[in-house]
Each structure stands twice: as C-alpha cells, then as structure tokens.
Amino acid sequence: MPPLPADVVPASAMHERLAAITRAVIEEAATRGNAIIVGRGGVFIIGRRPDTLHVQLHASLEARVRYLLMRIEEVPVDTRPDEDSLRQLCRSIDSARQGYVRRLFDADWLHVSHYDLSIDSGRLGVEQTADIIESAARHDPPGSPGVPA
C-alpha cells in the first residue's frame, strides 16, 4: 500500500480531535451555565456538580418507531422508510451511542447511576416529559444555599 499524503489525517486522529473539541465545548457551556447539553457524553464530561441535572430519556423500540412514524408524515409516501427500516435505524443509533461512550469514557451509557432522573418518554410523551424535566431543573438540589443536605 502506498504511503498516505502528508496532508491526510488518519481517522483515529480525527476522532480524537473531534472528541477533544466536543469536550471543550461542553465544558465551556457548563461553565457559562444555563446550558442544555444533549448527548455527546455530557454526563461523563461534566460529572456530578451541584448545578447540573443529568436526565436519561428512554423508550421502547416500538415507542420510538411509532414516534418516528408520526414525525415523517410530511415525507412523500413513496420515499418514507418502513417500520423495519426505522427499527434498524434506532438499533444502529443505539449501537453507535453505546460504542462512543464505551470508547471515550469506558462507561455504560444506559446505566441509571449516571443520571439524576430517568424518564420513559415513550410512556409519558413529549409534553409531560418536558414538564417533569423543567420542574426538576427549577428545584434546588440538596446542598444548595437554603436547602438542607
């Protein structure tokens, strides 16, 4: 195999660089405050701090497929993915997320011990899930000024 040109960066180096940039952006957002960080290992980057609320959203595969089917109603029928394709997409995304967190943080992204709150959004729906998160975010955690630990 011929050597790579000098300006070609190996994929592993690109992944490492992207992970470092992601970490820096998340840390800066957390430092500035009032940030909502979705995924990207934010729970592992920020860690346990008194000013954070780590939320895990989960739903059954079938609930996620139903949700996606509702969201793609505007897509022309002849180009819509079928239920089996959507199931495979969900599984593929889950696998990628699991691999990302395992590779970068050596952790199980689904383990509830990483989160303050775990919500089955498939059962409760988007609005009730958002209401619960908002209520929890507005509540001062134990150890905050004026709140007993």
C-alpha atoms as a PDB file:
ATOM      1  CA  MET A   1       0.000   0.000   0.000  1.00  0.00           C
ATOM      2  CA  PRO A   2       1.452   3.418  -0.914  1.00  0.00           C
ATOM      3  CA  PRO A   3       2.130   5.912   1.889  1.00  0.00           C
ATOM      4  CA  LEU A   4      -0.565   8.470   2.648  1.00  0.00           C
ATOM      5  CA  PRO A   5      -0.007  12.053   1.507  1.00  0.00           C
ATOM      6  CA  ALA A   6       1.267  14.330   4.278  1.00  0.00           C
ATOM      7  CA  ASP A   7      -1.999  16.288   4.465  1.00  0.00           C
ATOM      8  CA  VAL A   8      -4.161  13.197   5.096  1.00  0.00           C
ATOM      9  CA  VAL A   9      -5.058  12.728   8.749  1.00  0.00           C
ATOM     10  CA  PRO A  10      -5.759   9.173   9.966  1.00  0.00           C
ATOM     11  CA  ALA A  11      -9.347   8.543  11.047  1.00  0.00           C
ATOM     12  CA  SER A  12      -8.280   7.732  14.614  1.00  0.00           C
ATOM     13  CA  ALA A  13      -6.580  11.123  14.937  1.00  0.00           C
ATOM     14  CA  MET A  14      -9.695  12.831  13.550  1.00  0.00           C
ATOM     15  CA  HIS A  15     -11.873  11.017  16.099  1.00  0.00           C
ATOM     16  CA  GLU A  16      -9.540  12.033  18.929  1.00  0.00           C
ATOM     17  CA  ARG A  17      -9.529  15.647  17.753  1.00  0.00           C
ATOM     18  CA  LEU A  18     -13.321  15.714  17.452  1.00  0.00           C
ATOM     19  CA  ALA A  19     -13.662  14.222  20.948  1.00  0.00           C
ATOM     20  CA  ALA A  20     -11.311  16.887  22.360  1.00  0.00           C
ATOM     21  CA  ILE A  21     -13.276  19.686  20.673  1.00  0.00           C
ATOM     22  CA  THR A  22     -16.568  18.227  21.890  1.00  0.00           C
ATOM     23  CA  ARG A  23     -15.225  18.017  25.447  1.00  0.00           C
ATOM     24  CA  ALA A  24     -14.004  21.634  25.314  1.00  0.00           C
ATOM     25  CA  VAL A  25     -17.344  22.924  24.004  1.00  0.00           C
ATOM     26  CA  ILE A  26     -19.339  21.020  26.642  1.00  0.00           C
ATOM     27  CA  GLU A  27     -17.036  22.147  29.462  1.00  0.00           C
ATOM     28  CA  GLU A  28     -17.315  25.777  28.315  1.00  0.00           C
ATOM     29  CA  ALA A  29     -21.114  25.573  28.058  1.00  0.00           C
ATOM     30  CA  ALA A  30     -21.324  24.062  31.552  1.00  0.00           C
ATOM     31  CA  THR A  31     -19.032  26.755  32.957  1.00  0.00           C
ATOM     32  CA  ARG A  32     -21.150  29.530  31.430  1.00  0.00           C
ATOM     33  CA  GLY A  33     -24.299  27.998  32.919  1.00  0.00           C
ATOM     34  CA  ASN A  34     -27.930  27.671  31.825  1.00  0.00           C
ATOM     35  CA  ALA A  35     -26.969  25.128  29.181  1.00  0.00           C
ATOM     36  CA  ILE A  36     -28.844  22.127  27.892  1.00  0.00           C
ATOM     37  CA  ILE A  37     -26.394  19.524  26.652  1.00  0.00           C
ATOM     38  CA  VAL A  38     -27.928  16.604  24.799  1.00  0.00           C
ATOM     39  CA  GLY A  39     -25.795  13.504  24.472  1.00  0.00           C
ATOM     40  CA  ARG A  40     -22.161  13.577  23.363  1.00  0.00           C
ATOM     41  CA  GLY A  41     -21.185  12.088  26.722  1.00  0.00           C
ATOM     42  CA  GLY A  42     -22.038  15.299  28.547  1.00  0.00           C
ATOM     43  CA  VAL A  43     -22.921  13.430  31.724  1.00  0.00           C
ATOM     44  CA  PHE A  44     -19.421  11.929  31.768  1.00  0.00           C
ATOM     45  CA  ILE A  45     -17.625  15.140  30.815  1.00  0.00           C
ATOM     46  CA  ILE A  46     -19.361  17.392  33.334  1.00  0.00           C
ATOM     47  CA  GLY A  47     -19.686  14.845  36.111  1.00  0.00           C
ATOM     48  CA  ARG A  48     -21.539  15.384  39.352  1.00  0.00           C
ATOM     49  CA  ARG A  49     -21.841  19.073  40.123  1.00  0.00           C
ATOM     50  CA  PRO A  50     -24.445  20.764  42.306  1.00  0.00           C
ATOM     51  CA  ASP A  51     -25.588  22.972  39.422  1.00  0.00           C
ATOM     52  CA  THR A  52     -26.369  20.151  36.987  1.00  0.00           C
ATOM     53  CA  LEU A  53     -29.307  17.869  36.324  1.00  0.00           C
ATOM     54  CA  HIS A  54     -28.471  14.729  34.374  1.00  0.00           C
ATOM     55  CA  VAL A  55     -31.541  13.277  32.647  1.00  0.00           C
ATOM     56  CA  GLN A  56     -31.800   9.969  30.849  1.00  0.00           C
ATOM     57  CA  LEU A  57     -34.618   9.650  28.333  1.00  0.00           C
ATOM     58  CA  HIS A  58     -35.549   6.177  27.216  1.00  0.00           C
ATOM     59  CA  ALA A  59     -38.385   4.498  25.356  1.00  0.00           C
ATOM     60  CA  SER A  60     -39.065   1.065  23.995  1.00  0.00           C
ATOM     61  CA  LEU A  61     -38.005   0.352  20.440  1.00  0.00           C
ATOM     62  CA  GLU A  62     -41.648   0.200  19.365  1.00  0.00           C
ATOM     63  CA  ALA A  63     -42.443   3.555  21.014  1.00  0.00           C
ATOM     64  CA  ARG A  64     -39.514   5.163  19.208  1.00  0.00           C
ATOM     65  CA  VAL A  65     -40.617   3.694  15.876  1.00  0.00           C
ATOM     66  CA  ARG A  66     -44.189   4.976  16.442  1.00  0.00           C
ATOM     67  CA  TYR A  67     -42.801   8.428  17.258  1.00  0.00           C
ATOM     68  CA  LEU A  68     -40.679   8.465  14.103  1.00  0.00           C
ATOM     69  CA  LEU A  69     -43.633   7.343  12.001  1.00  0.00           C
ATOM     70  CA  MET A  70     -45.642  10.304  13.327  1.00  0.00           C
ATOM     71  CA  ARG A  71     -42.768  12.683  12.558  1.00  0.00           C
ATOM     72  CA  ILE A  72     -42.367  11.588   8.930  1.00  0.00           C
ATOM     73  CA  GLU A  73     -45.989  12.086   7.886  1.00  0.00           C
ATOM     74  CA  GLU A  74     -44.912  15.090   5.775  1.00  0.00           C
ATOM     75  CA  VAL A  75     -42.474  12.960   3.774  1.00  0.00           C
ATOM     76  CA  PRO A  76     -43.909  11.753   0.443  1.00  0.00           C
ATOM     77  CA  VAL A  77     -45.283   8.236   0.850  1.00  0.00           C
ATOM     78  CA  ASP A  78     -43.063   6.764  -1.858  1.00  0.00           C
ATOM     79  CA  THR A  79     -39.894   7.911  -0.043  1.00  0.00           C
ATOM     80  CA  ARG A  80     -40.886   7.144   3.561  1.00  0.00           C
ATOM     81  CA  PRO A  81     -38.888   4.492   5.362  1.00  0.00           C
ATOM     82  CA  ASP A  82     -40.893   1.491   6.505  1.00  0.00           C
ATOM     83  CA  GLU A  83     -41.171   0.319  10.115  1.00  0.00           C
ATOM     84  CA  ASP A  84     -38.421  -2.272   9.738  1.00  0.00           C
ATOM     85  CA  SER A  85     -36.023   0.369   8.380  1.00  0.00           C
ATOM     86  CA  LEU A  86     -36.846   2.653  11.298  1.00  0.00           C
ATOM     87  CA  ARG A  87     -36.270  -0.181  13.782  1.00  0.00           C
ATOM     88  CA  GLN A  88     -32.886  -0.846  12.206  1.00  0.00           C
ATOM     89  CA  LEU A  89     -32.079   2.885  12.318  1.00  0.00           C
ATOM     90  CA  CYS A  90     -32.893   3.011  16.047  1.00  0.00           C
ATOM     91  CA  ARG A  91     -30.754  -0.061  16.729  1.00  0.00           C
ATOM     92  CA  SER A  92     -27.895   1.393  14.702  1.00  0.00           C
ATOM     93  CA  ILE A  93     -28.054   4.709  16.582  1.00  0.00           C
ATOM     94  CA  ASP A  94     -28.154   2.873  19.923  1.00  0.00           C
ATOM     95  CA  SER A  95     -25.116   0.828  18.929  1.00  0.00           C
ATOM     96  CA  ALA A  96     -23.190   3.930  17.837  1.00  0.00           C
ATOM     97  CA  ARG A  97     -24.036   5.739  21.086  1.00  0.00           C
ATOM     98  CA  GLN A  98     -23.033   2.735  23.157  1.00  0.00           C
ATOM     99  CA  GLY A  99     -19.734   2.434  21.292  1.00  0.00           C
ATOM    100  CA  TYR A 100     -18.991   6.164  21.568  1.00  0.00           C
ATOM    101  CA  VAL A 101     -19.495   6.229  25.344  1.00  0.00           C
ATOM    102  CA  ARG A 102     -17.669   2.938  25.880  1.00  0.00           C
ATOM    103  CA  ARG A 103     -14.695   4.059  23.757  1.00  0.00           C
ATOM    104  CA  LEU A 104     -14.334   7.574  25.197  1.00  0.00           C
ATOM    105  CA  PHE A 105     -15.490   7.124  28.795  1.00  0.00           C
ATOM    106  CA  ASP A 106     -15.359   3.364  29.433  1.00  0.00           C
ATOM    107  CA  ALA A 107     -18.929   3.541  30.701  1.00  0.00           C
ATOM    108  CA  ASP A 108     -22.364   2.069  30.077  1.00  0.00           C
ATOM    109  CA  TRP A 109     -24.451   4.976  28.759  1.00  0.00           C
ATOM    110  CA  LEU A 110     -27.710   3.291  29.804  1.00  0.00           C
ATOM    111  CA  HIS A 111     -26.815   2.699  33.459  1.00  0.00           C
ATOM    112  CA  VAL A 112     -29.176   4.767  35.610  1.00  0.00           C
ATOM    113  CA  SER A 113     -26.481   5.524  38.192  1.00  0.00           C
ATOM    114  CA  HIS A 114     -25.121   8.205  35.840  1.00  0.00           C
ATOM    115  CA  TYR A 115     -28.360  10.180  35.928  1.00  0.00           C
ATOM    116  CA  ASP A 116     -30.398  12.154  38.453  1.00  0.00           C
ATOM    117  CA  LEU A 117     -33.629  11.435  36.630  1.00  0.00           C
ATOM    118  CA  SER A 118     -34.652   8.687  34.204  1.00  0.00           C
ATOM    119  CA  ILE A 119     -37.876   9.110  32.211  1.00  0.00           C
ATOM    120  CA  ASP A 120     -39.716   6.737  29.889  1.00  0.00           C
ATOM    121  CA  SER A 121     -40.650   9.337  27.278  1.00  0.00           C
ATOM    122  CA  GLY A 122     -42.381   6.672  25.207  1.00  0.00           C
ATOM    123  CA  ARG A 123     -44.870   6.139  28.012  1.00  0.00           C
ATOM    124  CA  LEU A 124     -45.261   9.754  29.140  1.00  0.00           C
ATOM    125  CA  GLY A 125     -44.989  11.594  25.821  1.00  0.00           C
ATOM    126  CA  VAL A 126     -43.009  14.677  24.886  1.00  0.00           C
ATOM    127  CA  GLU A 127     -45.034  17.315  26.762  1.00  0.00           C
ATOM    128  CA  GLN A 128     -45.203  15.514  30.106  1.00  0.00           C
ATOM    129  CA  THR A 129     -41.526  14.561  29.819  1.00  0.00           C
ATOM    130  CA  ALA A 130     -40.591  18.209  29.213  1.00  0.00           C
ATOM    131  CA  ASP A 131     -42.759  19.313  32.165  1.00  0.00           C
ATOM    132  CA  ILE A 132     -41.048  16.835  34.500  1.00  0.00           C
ATOM    133  CA  ILE A 133     -37.579  17.944  33.394  1.00  0.00           C
ATOM    134  CA  GLU A 134     -38.483  21.614  33.769  1.00  0.00           C
ATOM    135  CA  SER A 135     -39.869  21.009  37.251  1.00  0.00           C
ATOM    136  CA  ALA A 136     -36.761  19.083  38.296  1.00  0.00           C
ATOM    137  CA  ALA A 137     -34.449  21.752  36.853  1.00  0.00           C
ATOM    138  CA  ARG A 138     -36.226  24.514  38.763  1.00  0.00           C
ATOM    139  CA  HIS A 139     -35.968  22.578  42.052  1.00  0.00           C
ATOM    140  CA  ASP A 140     -32.901  23.454  44.114  1.00  0.00           C
ATOM    141  CA  PRO A 141     -30.916  20.294  44.892  1.00  0.00           C
ATOM    142  CA  PRO A 142     -29.960  19.325  48.451  1.00  0.00           C
ATOM    143  CA  GLY A 143     -26.843  21.186  49.480  1.00  0.00           C
ATOM    144  CA  SER A 144     -27.824  24.357  47.607  1.00  0.00           C
ATOM    145  CA  PRO A 145     -27.906  27.553  49.668  1.00  0.00           C
ATOM    146  CA  GLY A 146     -31.019  27.410  51.859  1.00  0.00           C
ATOM    147  CA  VAL A 147     -31.706  23.721  51.146  1.00  0.00           C
ATOM    148  CA  PRO A 148     -30.645  21.134  53.751  1.00  0.00           C
ATOM    149  CA  ALA A 149     -28.236  18.473  52.513  1.00  0.00           C
END
